[in-house]
C-alpha atoms as a PDB file:
ATOM      1  CA  MET A   1      -0.003   0.002   0.002  1.00  0.00           C
ATOM      2  CA  THR A   2       1.371   3.394  -0.900  1.00  0.00           C
ATOM      3  CA  SER A   3       1.261   6.187   1.614  1.00  0.00           C
ATOM      4  CA  PRO A   4      -0.813   9.347   1.135  1.00  0.00           C
ATOM      5  CA  THR A   5       2.519  11.212   0.862  1.00  0.00           C
ATOM      6  CA  SER A   6       3.635   9.196  -2.155  1.00  0.00           C
ATOM      7  CA  HIS A   7       0.229   9.787  -3.798  1.00  0.00           C
ATOM      8  CA  THR A   8       0.583  13.516  -3.106  1.00  0.00           C
ATOM      9  CA  ARG A   9       4.125  13.518  -4.601  1.00  0.00           C
ATOM     10  CA  ARG A  10       2.912  11.581  -7.650  1.00  0.00           C
ATOM     11  CA  LEU A  11      -0.060  13.894  -8.080  1.00  0.00           C
ATOM     12  CA  THR A  12       2.046  17.015  -7.542  1.00  0.00           C
ATOM     13  CA  GLY A  13       4.576  15.781 -10.139  1.00  0.00           C
ATOM     14  CA  PHE A  14       1.749  15.038 -12.586  1.00  0.00           C
ATOM     15  CA  VAL A  15       0.117  18.441 -12.038  1.00  0.00           C
ATOM     16  CA  THR A  16       3.458  20.210 -12.446  1.00  0.00           C
ATOM     17  CA  ALA A  17       4.170  18.343 -15.694  1.00  0.00           C
ATOM     18  CA  ALA A  18       0.675  19.077 -16.947  1.00  0.00           C
ATOM     19  CA  LEU A  19       1.060  22.781 -16.173  1.00  0.00           C
ATOM     20  CA  LEU A  20       4.414  22.919 -17.967  1.00  0.00           C
ATOM     21  CA  VAL A  21       2.923  21.261 -21.035  1.00  0.00           C
ATOM     22  CA  GLY A  22      -0.052  23.675 -20.938  1.00  0.00           C
ATOM     23  CA  VAL A  23       2.222  26.721 -20.630  1.00  0.00           C
ATOM     24  CA  ALA A  24       4.386  25.482 -23.533  1.00  0.00           C
ATOM     25  CA  ALA A  25       1.274  24.878 -25.681  1.00  0.00           C
ATOM     26  CA  LEU A  26      -0.121  28.315 -24.821  1.00  0.00           C
ATOM     27  CA  GLY A  27       3.192  29.925 -25.665  1.00  0.00           C
ATOM     28  CA  ALA A  28       3.306  28.109 -28.989  1.00  0.00           C
ATOM     29  CA  ALA A  29      -0.292  29.050 -29.814  1.00  0.00           C
ATOM     30  CA  CYS A  30       0.264  32.718 -28.957  1.00  0.00           C
ATOM     31  CA  SER A  31       3.597  32.967 -30.791  1.00  0.00           C
ATOM     32  CA  SER A  32       3.715  35.477 -33.597  1.00  0.00           C
ATOM     33  CA  ASP A  33       6.599  33.644 -35.293  1.00  0.00           C
ATOM     34  CA  SER A  34       5.379  33.028 -38.836  1.00  0.00           C
ATOM     35  CA  THR A  35       8.317  30.724 -39.617  1.00  0.00           C
ATOM     36  CA  THR A  36       7.025  27.982 -37.379  1.00  0.00           C
ATOM     37  CA  THR A  37       6.122  24.927 -39.443  1.00  0.00           C
ATOM     38  CA  PRO A  38       3.377  22.550 -38.426  1.00  0.00           C
ATOM     39  CA  THR A  39       4.466  19.201 -37.119  1.00  0.00           C
ATOM     40  CA  SER A  40       2.769  15.913 -37.894  1.00  0.00           C
ATOM     41  CA  SER A  41       1.952  13.288 -35.380  1.00  0.00           C
ATOM     42  CA  THR A  42       2.565   9.629 -36.056  1.00  0.00           C
ATOM     43  CA  SER A  43      -0.185   8.563 -33.612  1.00  0.00           C
ATOM     44  CA  THR A  44      -3.745   8.504 -34.826  1.00  0.00           C
ATOM     45  CA  GLU A  45      -5.212   7.786 -31.367  1.00  0.00           C
ATOM     46  CA  ALA A  46      -6.427  10.592 -29.157  1.00  0.00           C
ATOM     47  CA  PRO A  47      -5.495  10.354 -25.485  1.00  0.00           C
ATOM     48  CA  SER A  48      -8.047   8.499 -23.398  1.00  0.00           C
ATOM     49  CA  PRO A  49     -10.432  10.939 -21.725  1.00  0.00           C
ATOM     50  CA  THR A  50     -10.043   8.977 -18.531  1.00  0.00           C
ATOM     51  CA  SER A  51      -6.274   9.499 -18.459  1.00  0.00           C
ATOM     52  CA  VAL A  52      -6.757  13.223 -17.858  1.00  0.00           C
ATOM     53  CA  PRO A  53      -7.446  14.199 -14.251  1.00  0.00           C
ATOM     54  CA  ASN A  54     -10.690  16.013 -13.564  1.00  0.00           C
ATOM     55  CA  THR A  55     -10.813  18.444 -10.653  1.00  0.00           C
ATOM     56  CA  ASN A  56     -13.687  20.393  -9.116  1.00  0.00           C
ATOM     57  CA  ALA A  57     -13.389  23.808  -7.513  1.00  0.00           C
ATOM     58  CA  GLU A  58     -12.872  22.302  -4.018  1.00  0.00           C
ATOM     59  CA  GLY A  59      -9.940  20.320  -5.381  1.00  0.00           C
ATOM     60  CA  VAL A  60     -11.285  16.746  -5.489  1.00  0.00           C
ATOM     61  CA  THR A  61      -9.651  14.969  -8.445  1.00  0.00           C
ATOM     62  CA  ALA A  62     -11.001  11.911 -10.283  1.00  0.00           C
ATOM     63  CA  LEU A  63      -8.475   9.608 -11.964  1.00  0.00           C
ATOM     64  CA  GLY A  64      -8.823   6.601 -14.222  1.00  0.00           C
ATOM     65  CA  ALA A  65     -12.618   6.477 -14.433  1.00  0.00           C
ATOM     66  CA  TRP A  66     -13.903   3.318 -16.154  1.00  0.00           C
ATOM     67  CA  ALA A  67     -17.029   1.165 -16.310  1.00  0.00           C
ATOM     68  CA  ARG A  68     -17.224  -2.558 -16.872  1.00  0.00           C
ATOM     69  CA  THR A  69     -18.903  -3.892 -20.035  1.00  0.00           C
ATOM     70  CA  SER A  70     -22.289  -5.438 -19.382  1.00  0.00           C
ATOM     71  CA  PRO A  71     -23.893  -8.574 -20.796  1.00  0.00           C
ATOM     72  CA  MET A  72     -26.851  -8.077 -23.118  1.00  0.00           C
ATOM     73  CA  SER A  73     -29.370  -9.048 -20.412  1.00  0.00           C
ATOM     74  CA  ALA A  74     -27.846  -6.950 -17.607  1.00  0.00           C
ATOM     75  CA  THR A  75     -29.950  -4.134 -16.140  1.00  0.00           C
ATOM     76  CA  THR A  76     -27.117  -2.730 -13.978  1.00  0.00           C
ATOM     77  CA  GLY A  77     -23.535  -1.702 -14.545  1.00  0.00           C
ATOM     78  CA  ALA A  78     -20.618  -0.554 -12.366  1.00  0.00           C
ATOM     79  CA  ALA A  79     -18.150   2.321 -12.553  1.00  0.00           C
ATOM     80  CA  TYR A  80     -14.808   2.718 -10.820  1.00  0.00           C
ATOM     81  CA  MET A  81     -12.083   5.389 -10.332  1.00  0.00           C
ATOM     82  CA  GLU A  82      -9.773   6.968  -7.794  1.00  0.00           C
ATOM     83  CA  LEU A  83     -10.835  10.105  -5.953  1.00  0.00           C
ATOM     84  CA  VAL A  84      -8.026  12.280  -4.585  1.00  0.00           C
ATOM     85  CA  GLY A  85      -9.060  14.730  -1.884  1.00  0.00           C
ATOM     86  CA  GLY A  86      -8.294  18.413  -2.202  1.00  0.00           C
ATOM     87  CA  PRO A  87      -7.145  20.683   0.624  1.00  0.00           C
ATOM     88  CA  THR A  88     -10.264  20.073   2.741  1.00  0.00           C
ATOM     89  CA  ASP A  89     -12.337  16.986   3.568  1.00  0.00           C
ATOM     90  CA  ASP A  90     -15.357  16.337   1.314  1.00  0.00           C
ATOM     91  CA  GLU A  91     -17.861  13.545   0.666  1.00  0.00           C
ATOM     92  CA  LEU A  92     -19.208  12.044  -2.515  1.00  0.00           C
ATOM     93  CA  VAL A  93     -22.966  12.166  -1.901  1.00  0.00           C
ATOM     94  CA  GLY A  94     -24.393  11.297  -5.320  1.00  0.00           C
ATOM     95  CA  ALA A  95     -23.788  10.702  -9.005  1.00  0.00           C
ATOM     96  CA  SER A  96     -25.751  10.770 -12.246  1.00  0.00           C
ATOM     97  CA  VAL A  97     -25.522   9.974 -15.939  1.00  0.00           C
ATOM     98  CA  ALA A  98     -27.625  10.877 -18.996  1.00  0.00           C
ATOM     99  CA  SER A  99     -30.849   8.902 -19.294  1.00  0.00           C
ATOM    100  CA  THR A 100     -29.388   7.369 -22.496  1.00  0.00           C
ATOM    101  CA  ILE A 101     -26.968   5.495 -20.205  1.00  0.00           C
ATOM    102  CA  ALA A 102     -28.991   4.599 -17.088  1.00  0.00           C
ATOM    103  CA  ALA A 103     -31.999   5.691 -15.074  1.00  0.00           C
ATOM    104  CA  SER A 104     -29.928   6.425 -11.953  1.00  0.00           C
ATOM    105  CA  VAL A 105     -26.582   5.933 -10.194  1.00  0.00           C
ATOM    106  CA  GLU A 106     -26.150   4.716  -6.627  1.00  0.00           C
ATOM    107  CA  LEU A 107     -23.134   4.683  -4.325  1.00  0.00           C
ATOM    108  CA  HIS A 108     -22.387   1.081  -3.293  1.00  0.00           C
ATOM    109  CA  GLU A 109     -20.019  -0.937  -1.161  1.00  0.00           C
ATOM    110  CA  THR A 110     -19.175  -4.624  -1.538  1.00  0.00           C
ATOM    111  CA  SER A 111     -17.959  -6.282   1.630  1.00  0.00           C
ATOM    112  CA  MET A 112     -17.503  -9.716   3.164  1.00  0.00           C
ATOM    113  CA  ALA A 113     -20.331 -10.635   5.485  1.00  0.00           C
ATOM    114  CA  GLY A 114     -19.477 -12.570   8.637  1.00  0.00           C
ATOM    115  CA  GLY A 115     -19.328 -16.377   8.686  1.00  0.00           C
ATOM    116  CA  ASP A 116     -22.213 -16.735  11.174  1.00  0.00           C
ATOM    117  CA  MET A 117     -25.712 -17.888  10.328  1.00  0.00           C
ATOM    118  CA  ASP A 118     -28.529 -15.365  10.280  1.00  0.00           C
ATOM    119  CA  ASP A 119     -32.036 -15.965  11.745  1.00  0.00           C
ATOM    120  CA  MET A 120     -33.105 -17.696   8.521  1.00  0.00           C
ATOM    121  CA  GLY A 121     -30.206 -20.203   8.720  1.00  0.00           C
ATOM    122  CA  ASP A 122     -28.391 -18.686   5.712  1.00  0.00           C
ATOM    123  CA  SER A 123     -24.607 -18.391   5.781  1.00  0.00           C
ATOM    124  CA  MET A 124     -23.441 -14.826   6.027  1.00  0.00           C
ATOM    125  CA  GLY A 125     -19.876 -15.683   4.962  1.00  0.00           C
ATOM    126  CA  MET A 126     -20.249 -14.281   1.450  1.00  0.00           C
ATOM    127  CA  MET A 127     -19.742 -11.049  -0.439  1.00  0.00           C
ATOM    128  CA  THR A 128     -22.596  -8.648  -0.034  1.00  0.00           C
ATOM    129  CA  MET A 129     -23.349  -5.362  -1.710  1.00  0.00           C
ATOM    130  CA  ARG A 130     -25.223  -2.482  -0.171  1.00  0.00           C
ATOM    131  CA  GLN A 131     -26.059   1.077  -1.017  1.00  0.00           C
ATOM    132  CA  VAL A 132     -24.221   3.686   1.035  1.00  0.00           C
ATOM    133  CA  PRO A 133     -25.357   7.289   1.631  1.00  0.00           C
ATOM    134  CA  SER A 134     -21.907   8.815   0.947  1.00  0.00           C
ATOM    135  CA  ILE A 135     -18.235   8.104   0.421  1.00  0.00           C
ATOM    136  CA  ALA A 136     -15.783  10.153   2.477  1.00  0.00           C
ATOM    137  CA  VAL A 137     -12.958  11.823   0.525  1.00  0.00           C
ATOM    138  CA  PRO A 138     -10.468  12.972   3.174  1.00  0.00           C
ATOM    139  CA  ALA A 139      -8.192  15.942   2.398  1.00  0.00           C
ATOM    140  CA  GLU A 140      -5.197  14.975   0.293  1.00  0.00           C
ATOM    141  CA  GLN A 141      -5.921  11.237   0.478  1.00  0.00           C
ATOM    142  CA  THR A 142      -6.873   8.772  -2.245  1.00  0.00           C
ATOM    143  CA  VAL A 143     -10.103   6.796  -2.100  1.00  0.00           C
ATOM    144  CA  ALA A 144     -10.245   3.904  -4.559  1.00  0.00           C
ATOM    145  CA  LEU A 145     -13.583   2.891  -6.095  1.00  0.00           C
ATOM    146  CA  THR A 146     -12.777  -0.668  -7.222  1.00  0.00           C
ATOM    147  CA  PRO A 147     -14.433  -3.975  -8.030  1.00  0.00           C
ATOM    148  CA  GLY A 148     -15.101  -5.718  -4.702  1.00  0.00           C
ATOM    149  CA  GLY A 149     -15.079  -2.430  -2.728  1.00  0.00           C
ATOM    150  CA  LEU A 150     -16.655   0.990  -3.032  1.00  0.00           C
ATOM    151  CA  HIS A 151     -18.104   1.647  -6.478  1.00  0.00           C
ATOM    152  CA  LEU A 152     -20.913   3.334  -8.415  1.00  0.00           C
ATOM    153  CA  MET A 153     -23.862   1.235  -9.631  1.00  0.00           C
ATOM    154  CA  LEU A 154     -25.597   2.248 -12.837  1.00  0.00           C
ATOM    155  CA  ILE A 155     -29.240   1.278 -12.341  1.00  0.00           C
ATOM    156  CA  GLU A 156     -31.639   0.360 -15.180  1.00  0.00           C
ATOM    157  CA  LEU A 157     -29.205   0.565 -18.059  1.00  0.00           C
ATOM    158  CA  ALA A 158     -30.733   2.015 -21.235  1.00  0.00           C
ATOM    159  CA  LYS A 159     -28.617  -0.403 -23.287  1.00  0.00           C
ATOM    160  CA  PRO A 160     -25.620  -2.664 -22.647  1.00  0.00           C
ATOM    161  CA  LEU A 161     -22.299  -0.957 -21.960  1.00  0.00           C
ATOM    162  CA  GLU A 162     -19.866  -1.799 -24.800  1.00  0.00           C
ATOM    163  CA  ALA A 163     -16.081  -1.595 -24.713  1.00  0.00           C
ATOM    164  CA  GLY A 164     -14.743   1.614 -26.167  1.00  0.00           C
ATOM    165  CA  GLU A 165     -17.770   3.771 -25.349  1.00  0.00           C
ATOM    166  CA  VAL A 166     -17.220   6.894 -23.243  1.00  0.00           C
ATOM    167  CA  PHE A 167     -19.929   8.594 -21.196  1.00  0.00           C
ATOM    168  CA  ASP A 168     -19.998  11.479 -18.696  1.00  0.00           C
ATOM    169  CA  LEU A 169     -20.548  10.634 -15.052  1.00  0.00           C
ATOM    170  CA  THR A 170     -21.443  13.608 -12.861  1.00  0.00           C
ATOM    171  CA  LEU A 171     -20.253  13.354  -9.249  1.00  0.00           C
ATOM    172  CA  SER A 172     -21.954  15.464  -6.551  1.00  0.00           C
ATOM    173  CA  PHE A 173     -20.155  16.359  -3.327  1.00  0.00           C
ATOM    174  CA  ALA A 174     -21.279  17.485   0.119  1.00  0.00           C
ATOM    175  CA  SER A 175     -19.466  20.807  -0.510  1.00  0.00           C
ATOM    176  CA  GLY A 176     -22.028  21.508  -3.231  1.00  0.00           C
ATOM    177  CA  GLU A 177     -19.454  21.063  -5.958  1.00  0.00           C
ATOM    178  CA  GLN A 178     -19.995  18.823  -8.971  1.00  0.00           C
ATOM    179  CA  LEU A 179     -17.432  17.111 -11.172  1.00  0.00           C
ATOM    180  CA  VAL A 180     -18.114  15.740 -14.679  1.00  0.00           C
ATOM    181  CA  VAL A 181     -15.893  12.735 -15.311  1.00  0.00           C
ATOM    182  CA  PRO A 182     -15.514  11.099 -18.749  1.00  0.00           C
ATOM    183  CA  THR A 183     -15.837   7.352 -18.103  1.00  0.00           C
ATOM    184  CA  GLU A 184     -14.482   4.760 -20.532  1.00  0.00           C
ATOM    185  CA  VAL A 185     -16.185   1.352 -20.876  1.00  0.00           C
ATOM    186  CA  ARG A 186     -13.660  -1.515 -20.693  1.00  0.00           C
ATOM    187  CA  ALA A 187     -13.909  -5.283 -20.890  1.00  0.00           C
ATOM    188  CA  GLY A 188     -13.570  -7.134 -17.558  1.00  0.00           C
END
């Protein structure tokens, strides 16, 4: 497990590099040098929208947002990402997508139930999933939304999620801020 300090260093390095690239691009775009010749790129692929960090005004950053492909008969889907807290504590309190993706989005947690028997005689030693009211995002710490842990459930899918699709997922925080996160559908 990496420490919050190493995440902060990695994030700070990434932000610094991104700012330097942005300043260089701005300088090139604003340059009045008419002798500059256009360069060609050998890559035909655009960068993945989920590889770019998304930050709201309070400083919460979403990284690596993706959703799992869904079978043709599935009525639910799941989305995952890392949330990196800004300078103050915040909480993810809701999420939404366009109705062309799903009817609603719920915050969920998968956990291991105890090995005891309940009143009905059923074993409780299995993975269970439950809706949670919020997900804490502590200041300057990373919260992973992963398969088998905290995640977002897409309820009543409008159609199956297919690999390569990208949709916007809007995250709502207790601070009142919202963050729109491009989410890429991936197999597995």
